[in-house]
Amino acid sequence: MTLATLDSIVRRGLIENNLPIHYYFEFLVHSSTCLRELSFDTLKIVNTISLPVSEYGSVDLPDDFVDDVAVCLPSGTTLAPLPRQEWINPIRVHNPSTGVFTQPPNTGNQAGVDDSFFWGSAGWMWYWNVNDWGEPTGRFFGAGGGTQRGYKVIKQRRQIQMSFDFAGNSIILQYISDGQNVDSASQIDTRAIQCIRAWQEWKRSANANNEFSPEAMAFWSRKKNLRARLNDISVVDIKNIIHNAYTGTMKN
């Protein structure tokens, strides 16, 4: 894929508008703002980063963090995703003696039942549900299949808090960026050039705050074109979807 840079897009805008280099910073600000907006729902830039876990199970969020896609543990060549756990206390716990932050305590029943309850001490519950040959006959109800292990994103702390029993020195975070950790050398998909140029022209016009102005309509049109260009579905794929939606039956 051929990529462009914000610098080249900005300079293209200056040349097309016959403006001197003194307007460079204004065009660069408009371009980075447009990139931020496009990253939310169109370009969908997902960053992957390895982050250290502190002694009390917290992870500092990147400066450009908007929303989490996945928090994973590396497992060989694969990533093992962890579930979100909304029961995790957002207030940090500190040791009253030393004053340092510590891991949240395990109270044993934050989200219903502890993981080890059914699987670590369930032998006596199964004892009464076996036949004469020692085979289980069922009638064991209420066992949970989930886990309490996981994480919670706490934006007011700008951190991710891991569950009480997390064991590890780092996590892999996949997240949506706000597009603001960019500079003039940041690489952009070339299919987005005209969309960013339309945003520049809109924000430099007298109708910068009017979303129904001709300049704004030009930007929305370019954004639709960009989304269509980024969609990789083909005619063959569409035909295959239609064909798979039909089933034949024999008639006699």
Protein backbone atom coordinates (compact mmCIF):
# COMPACT_ATOMS: atom_id res chain seq x y z
CA MET A 1 0.00 0.00 0.00
CA THR A 2 1.32 3.45 -0.89
CA LEU A 3 1.17 5.87 2.03
CA ALA A 4 1.25 9.65 2.18
CA THR A 5 2.40 11.88 5.02
CA LEU A 6 0.65 14.78 6.70
CA ASP A 7 3.49 16.96 5.46
CA SER A 8 2.81 16.07 1.82
CA ILE A 9 -0.95 16.62 2.27
CA VAL A 10 -0.36 20.01 3.89
CA ARG A 11 2.06 21.12 1.17
CA ARG A 12 -0.38 19.93 -1.50
CA GLY A 13 -3.05 22.11 0.08
CA LEU A 14 -0.75 25.14 0.10
CA ILE A 15 0.18 24.66 -3.56
CA GLU A 16 -3.43 24.14 -4.67
CA ASN A 17 -4.48 27.31 -2.84
CA ASN A 18 -1.44 29.28 -4.06
CA LEU A 19 -0.46 30.10 -0.46
CA PRO A 20 3.03 30.65 1.02
CA ILE A 21 4.64 28.38 3.60
CA HIS A 22 3.50 30.76 6.38
CA TYR A 23 0.13 28.98 6.35
CA TYR A 24 1.77 25.60 6.97
CA PHE A 25 0.89 25.36 10.68
CA GLU A 26 -2.78 26.25 10.07
CA PHE A 27 -3.14 23.52 7.44
CA LEU A 28 -1.28 21.05 9.68
CA VAL A 29 -3.67 21.70 12.59
CA HIS A 30 -6.70 21.17 10.35
CA SER A 31 -5.19 17.97 8.94
CA SER A 32 -4.47 16.48 12.37
CA THR A 33 -7.99 17.36 13.54
CA CYS A 34 -9.48 15.62 10.52
CA LEU A 35 -7.29 12.58 11.13
CA ARG A 36 -8.58 12.42 14.70
CA GLU A 37 -12.20 12.43 13.51
CA LEU A 38 -11.56 9.86 10.79
CA SER A 39 -9.76 7.52 13.20
CA PHE A 40 -12.95 7.03 15.26
CA ASP A 41 -15.21 5.50 12.63
CA THR A 42 -13.56 5.44 9.20
CA LEU A 43 -9.83 4.80 9.25
CA LYS A 44 -10.23 2.88 12.53
CA ILE A 45 -6.58 2.97 13.44
CA VAL A 46 -6.00 0.25 16.05
CA ASN A 47 -2.68 0.44 17.85
CA THR A 48 -1.07 -2.53 19.59
CA ILE A 49 1.39 -1.90 22.40
CA SER A 50 3.05 -3.84 25.20
CA LEU A 51 2.64 -2.10 28.57
CA PRO A 52 4.16 -2.90 31.99
CA VAL A 53 1.97 -3.79 34.97
CA SER A 54 2.77 -2.07 38.26
CA GLU A 55 3.11 -3.76 41.63
CA TYR A 56 -0.53 -3.03 42.46
CA GLY A 57 -1.85 -4.35 39.14
CA SER A 58 -2.33 -1.07 37.27
CA VAL A 59 -1.35 -0.13 33.71
CA ASP A 60 -0.90 3.47 32.55
CA LEU A 61 -2.94 4.28 29.45
CA PRO A 62 -1.24 5.75 26.35
CA ASP A 63 -1.72 9.49 25.84
CA ASP A 64 -3.76 8.96 22.66
CA PHE A 65 -6.07 6.31 24.15
CA VAL A 66 -9.78 6.58 23.21
CA ASP A 67 -11.27 3.12 23.69
CA ASP A 68 -10.01 -0.38 24.35
CA VAL A 69 -10.31 -3.10 21.74
CA ALA A 70 -8.66 -5.89 23.74
CA VAL A 71 -6.38 -6.49 26.70
CA CYS A 72 -4.41 -9.68 26.12
CA LEU A 73 -1.71 -11.85 27.55
CA PRO A 74 0.94 -13.10 25.14
CA SER A 75 0.80 -16.87 24.75
CA GLY A 76 3.46 -18.02 22.33
CA THR A 77 2.51 -16.69 18.91
CA THR A 78 -1.07 -15.91 19.95
CA LEU A 79 -2.83 -13.41 22.20
CA ALA A 80 -5.15 -14.60 24.97
CA PRO A 81 -7.84 -11.91 25.51
CA LEU A 82 -9.00 -11.05 29.02
CA PRO A 83 -12.64 -10.15 29.84
CA ARG A 84 -13.78 -6.81 31.24
CA GLN A 85 -14.74 -6.91 34.92
CA GLU A 86 -16.89 -3.95 35.94
CA TRP A 87 -16.92 -5.00 39.60
CA ILE A 88 -13.26 -3.96 40.05
CA ASN A 89 -13.01 -1.09 42.55
CA PRO A 90 -11.79 2.10 40.78
CA ILE A 91 -10.40 3.47 44.07
CA ARG A 92 -6.79 2.50 44.59
CA VAL A 93 -6.03 0.60 47.77
CA HIS A 94 -3.00 1.68 49.78
CA ASN A 95 -1.17 0.06 52.65
CA PRO A 96 -1.79 2.17 55.78
CA SER A 97 1.61 1.22 57.17
CA THR A 98 3.82 2.00 54.18
CA GLY A 99 1.52 4.33 52.24
CA VAL A 100 2.18 2.54 48.95
CA PHE A 101 -0.55 1.25 46.65
CA THR A 102 -1.29 -2.48 46.81
CA GLN A 103 -3.24 -5.06 44.84
CA PRO A 104 -7.01 -4.99 45.48
CA PRO A 105 -7.84 -7.69 48.06
CA ASN A 106 -9.71 -10.84 47.10
CA THR A 107 -13.00 -10.77 48.98
CA GLY A 108 -13.98 -14.05 47.31
CA ASN A 109 -17.38 -13.07 45.95
CA GLN A 110 -17.15 -9.85 43.89
CA ALA A 111 -18.92 -11.20 40.83
CA GLY A 112 -20.99 -14.03 42.24
CA VAL A 113 -18.74 -16.94 43.13
CA ASP A 114 -15.02 -17.52 43.27
CA ASP A 115 -13.38 -19.45 40.45
CA SER A 116 -12.12 -22.16 42.77
CA PHE A 117 -15.47 -22.72 44.50
CA PHE A 118 -16.87 -25.22 42.02
CA TRP A 119 -13.75 -26.68 40.61
CA GLY A 120 -11.51 -26.81 43.70
CA SER A 121 -13.95 -28.23 46.24
CA ALA A 122 -16.78 -29.74 44.27
CA GLY A 123 -16.00 -33.40 45.00
CA TRP A 124 -18.41 -33.71 47.88
CA MET A 125 -21.21 -32.16 45.79
CA TRP A 126 -20.72 -34.77 43.06
CA TYR A 127 -20.62 -37.66 45.55
CA TRP A 128 -24.38 -37.92 45.84
CA ASN A 129 -24.96 -37.81 42.08
CA VAL A 130 -23.22 -40.97 40.90
CA ASN A 131 -24.55 -44.42 40.13
CA ASP A 132 -23.37 -47.77 41.49
CA TRP A 133 -20.44 -47.78 39.07
CA GLY A 134 -19.19 -44.36 40.13
CA GLU A 135 -20.44 -42.63 37.01
CA PRO A 136 -21.83 -39.09 37.39
CA THR A 137 -25.55 -38.89 36.74
CA GLY A 138 -25.85 -35.11 36.48
CA ARG A 139 -28.14 -32.94 38.60
CA PHE A 140 -25.34 -30.51 39.38
CA PHE A 141 -26.79 -27.02 38.99
CA GLY A 142 -25.50 -23.47 39.26
CA ALA A 143 -21.88 -23.98 38.28
CA GLY A 144 -20.50 -20.91 36.56
CA GLY A 145 -18.36 -21.15 33.46
CA GLY A 146 -16.85 -17.68 33.58
CA THR A 147 -13.93 -16.17 35.44
CA GLN A 148 -13.29 -13.26 37.76
CA ARG A 149 -9.92 -12.59 36.19
CA GLY A 150 -9.82 -9.60 33.89
CA TYR A 151 -9.46 -5.83 33.79
CA LYS A 152 -11.30 -2.55 34.02
CA VAL A 153 -10.49 0.70 32.20
CA ILE A 154 -10.60 3.58 34.70
CA LYS A 155 -10.39 6.75 32.61
CA GLN A 156 -10.42 9.14 35.57
CA ARG A 157 -7.16 7.53 36.70
CA ARG A 158 -5.87 7.16 33.15
CA GLN A 159 -5.15 3.56 34.03
CA ILE A 160 -6.26 -0.02 33.53
CA GLN A 161 -6.74 -1.93 36.78
CA MET A 162 -6.14 -5.67 36.61
CA SER A 163 -8.04 -8.11 38.83
CA PHE A 164 -6.72 -9.13 42.24
CA ASP A 165 -5.13 -12.39 41.11
CA PHE A 166 -3.36 -11.10 37.99
CA ALA A 167 0.07 -12.65 37.58
CA GLY A 168 2.38 -11.12 35.01
CA ASN A 169 4.69 -8.23 34.34
CA SER A 170 3.06 -6.89 31.17
CA ILE A 171 -0.04 -6.94 28.97
CA ILE A 172 -0.72 -6.37 25.28
CA LEU A 173 -3.18 -3.51 24.78
CA GLN A 174 -5.04 -3.02 21.51
CA TYR A 175 -6.79 0.34 21.45
CA ILE A 176 -8.30 2.99 19.21
CA SER A 177 -6.11 6.08 18.95
CA ASP A 178 -7.40 9.64 18.78
CA GLY A 179 -4.92 10.29 16.00
CA GLN A 180 -3.22 13.09 17.90
CA ASN A 181 0.12 11.38 18.46
CA VAL A 182 1.02 12.48 14.96
CA ASP A 183 3.52 14.76 13.33
CA SER A 184 4.22 15.92 9.82
CA ALA A 185 5.89 12.57 9.05
CA SER A 186 2.91 10.43 10.12
CA GLN A 187 1.87 8.09 7.33
CA ILE A 188 -1.70 8.24 6.02
CA ASP A 189 -3.57 6.01 3.61
CA THR A 190 -3.48 7.74 0.24
CA ARG A 191 -7.20 7.11 -0.20
CA ALA A 192 -7.81 9.66 2.58
CA ILE A 193 -5.96 12.55 0.93
CA GLN A 194 -8.95 14.17 -0.76
CA CYS A 195 -11.08 13.75 2.36
CA ILE A 196 -8.49 15.57 4.48
CA ARG A 197 -8.13 18.24 1.79
CA ALA A 198 -11.90 18.80 1.86
CA TRP A 199 -11.76 19.24 5.65
CA GLN A 200 -8.97 21.81 5.27
CA GLU A 201 -11.03 23.82 2.79
CA TRP A 202 -14.10 23.64 5.00
CA LYS A 203 -12.34 24.81 8.17
CA ARG A 204 -10.57 27.64 6.33
CA SER A 205 -13.79 28.96 4.82
CA ALA A 206 -16.22 31.48 6.32
CA ASN A 207 -18.57 28.55 7.01
CA ALA A 208 -16.20 26.70 9.33
CA ASN A 209 -18.95 26.22 11.95
CA ASN A 210 -21.76 25.47 9.51
CA GLU A 211 -22.23 21.72 8.94
CA PHE A 212 -24.69 22.36 6.13
CA SER A 213 -22.52 24.71 4.09
CA PRO A 214 -21.34 23.74 0.59
CA GLU A 215 -17.83 23.22 1.97
CA ALA A 216 -19.16 20.89 4.68
CA MET A 217 -21.22 18.95 2.15
CA ALA A 218 -18.09 18.49 0.07
CA PHE A 219 -16.32 17.02 3.07
CA TRP A 220 -19.17 14.62 3.92
CA SER A 221 -19.23 13.50 0.30
CA ARG A 222 -15.48 12.84 0.35
CA LYS A 223 -15.87 10.94 3.63
CA LYS A 224 -18.51 8.69 2.04
CA ASN A 225 -16.15 8.08 -0.86
CA LEU A 226 -13.36 7.20 1.56
CA ARG A 227 -15.52 4.69 3.43
CA ALA A 228 -16.47 3.10 0.13
CA ARG A 229 -12.83 2.89 -0.91
CA LEU A 230 -11.83 1.30 2.40
CA ASN A 231 -14.56 -1.34 2.15
CA ASP A 232 -12.86 -4.39 0.67
CA ILE A 233 -16.05 -6.29 -0.26
CA SER A 234 -16.17 -7.22 -3.94
CA VAL A 235 -18.85 -8.20 -6.44
CA VAL A 236 -17.75 -11.82 -6.05
CA ASP A 237 -18.27 -11.59 -2.29
CA ILE A 238 -21.75 -10.09 -2.72
CA LYS A 239 -22.78 -12.82 -5.15
CA ASN A 240 -21.47 -15.48 -2.80
CA ILE A 241 -23.48 -14.03 0.10
CA ILE A 242 -26.64 -14.07 -2.04
CA HIS A 243 -25.98 -17.62 -3.23
CA ASN A 244 -25.38 -18.84 0.33
CA ALA A 245 -28.71 -17.33 1.39
CA TYR A 246 -30.60 -19.70 -0.90
CA THR A 247 -31.10 -23.41 -0.20
CA GLY A 248 -32.45 -25.91 -2.67
CA THR A 249 -34.85 -28.74 -1.98
CA MET A 250 -35.96 -31.72 -4.02
CA LYS A 251 -39.55 -31.80 -5.22
CA ASN A 252 -41.41 -34.75 -6.69
